[in-house]
Structure formats: C-alpha cells, structure tokens
Amino acid sequence: MITLTWLISEAAAAPETVYFRSADGRTQLVGYLFRPQAAGPAPAIVLLHGRGGPYSSNVNADCTVVGPKISSPCNATTLAKRHAMWGQYWAARGYLALLPDSFGPRGKAYGFGRFTHDDPDRDDVNEKTVRPLDAEGALAYLRGRGDVIGNQIFLQGWSNGGSTALNVMIRQGANLAAGFRGVLAFYPGCGPKALLQPTISTTAPIAMFLGADDDQVSPAFCQQAADRARQAGSKIDVTVYPGATHDFDDPSPRHQSVAANQAARNDVQAKAIAAVARWKN
C-alpha cells in the first residue's frame, strides 16, 4: 500500500541546497532546506541521517564528494525517500526542516552498509566526536537566519543519526537556552560504542522510538539507557512498537510491506508533531 504521504513526496519540489560550517570550524557542510509555505519566522528542526547517508541507495554508490560547484548524482533531487518524506512532513506543518549531509562534504556520500560499525573508514564521520559538531553547526546556521525562531529549534535523528542526537544532548547538558529544545531519536544505537557516556543527562526532553524486532540495534540497550537517564533527572519518553523493524518509518514498499511498520509509521508521525508542539511551550 502506497500512502498519501509518499504520493505528496513524489510530487513536491526539491528542497533548497544551502551551505554552512560545522562547529568543528573546518568542514563546510551541505544541507537541504525544506521551507513552510507561510512567511516566517518559523520553528525549525534539524534532521540527522543514518549510516547510509542522506541519499537514495539507487544512486549513492557512484557518489563521493558533495559540495559547491561539484557535479554529483547525490543532490537535493536524489534524497532517500524517508528524508524527503520527513522534510516535507515538517514543512507542511509550519516548520523549517534542515537535513545536513555529514558524509558528502567529507568524500563519503556513498554511505555505509550494515555490519560496518568497526570500519576505520567511518572514523572521521563518527557519531560521537564528529557528527554532533555538524548538528551544532546546523543549529548556529538556523539561528542566524531571519526566518527561524531561534529558541524553537529541535533535533530528529535516525539510527546512527539518532545516536548522534543523543550525543548532542550529552554535550548540551543543562544548557537548554543555547541548544536544541528537544530531540526525537528513532531506533538509535545506545551501546558503549555509540554513546559518549552511559548516562544521558540533559534538561532538554527526549522522545525515543524503537522497533521491538529491530535486528540492527538493540532496543533493550536503549530502554536501559532511558532508565539511567531518568534516574539522572532527564525527561525521556520511550515508545516501543511491537513487531516493528529497523527503519520502520521508511516509506519504501520493502519496509511498509510489514504491517507492524505501517502501524508504527502512522503512530510515530502523530507522536512526533505532538511532542514538538508540547516542547515549544
């Protein structure tokens, strides 16, 4: 079954391509900006891709570097379906959404497949010490725009990007006024190889969404991490979807042929917008 959300995604215009600095002070990142129709200023959300990168697997094998004045099949028109869907989802609801590419500017737009966590080629794009700086660079970029409400910027990440988002929260700690207002973490890795610290201590609220039948990351590790975070005083809600797999919100037929994934995807979209609306106030 092809849902209405993906039919809209197919017909929508490509997002705007923008460039900004990572907080590492060196890397010029490329980002894809989905704008709401209404005039700003608007709340905003930064979207963090997973280990596969932001682009469709149909094209990314032929991609390396993505940047200004570089011709590549990896661009705003060839984003993965999930990223295009969510970018348009937020824009349609009045949010400005920014999807930074952490891999293309570093010559790795092809992304990484399963079972590559120990691949040394991933060291310079890792979720602990590199990608959090990209998220912080995106936050600074958005705060410098006149069409964004500077104290209403949120963070959403998937898998490796979800782990990155949790590490941003660990780095942010109690500095809510200068950071993201809240985080949506989808099926992140929560083990010691993925997180900067075993305990996520932050004043920003977190909503975590897990698939019970995830065969790529451990939902049990994330539930344990959430328990430790709560004990440390963090506000964290966890939703576990029975029968749902990794990438349960991906709109592709391969993922949506699983009935539990369809149910999880529909529910998580409703929960995501409701959570961010609460966090704005």
Foldseek 3Di string as FASTA:
>chain_A
DFDPLLVCLVPDDFFDWDWFDFLVVPFIWIKGKQAAPDFFQFAAEEEEEAQQWFFDLVFLVQAFADDPPDDGPDDRVGGASLVSSVCVLQSPVGYMYMYITLGRSVGGSRGDDAPCLVPPVCVCSALQPHVLSRVLRVLVVQCPDPNYDNLQYAYEYAARGLLSRLNNQQVCAAVSRSDHQEYEREAYAQDPSRHPDLERHHAHEYEYEEEPAEPRHDPVSVVVNVVRNVVNPHHYHYDYQYPAYGPLLRSDCVNVVRVSSVVSNVVVSVVVVVVSVVSVD
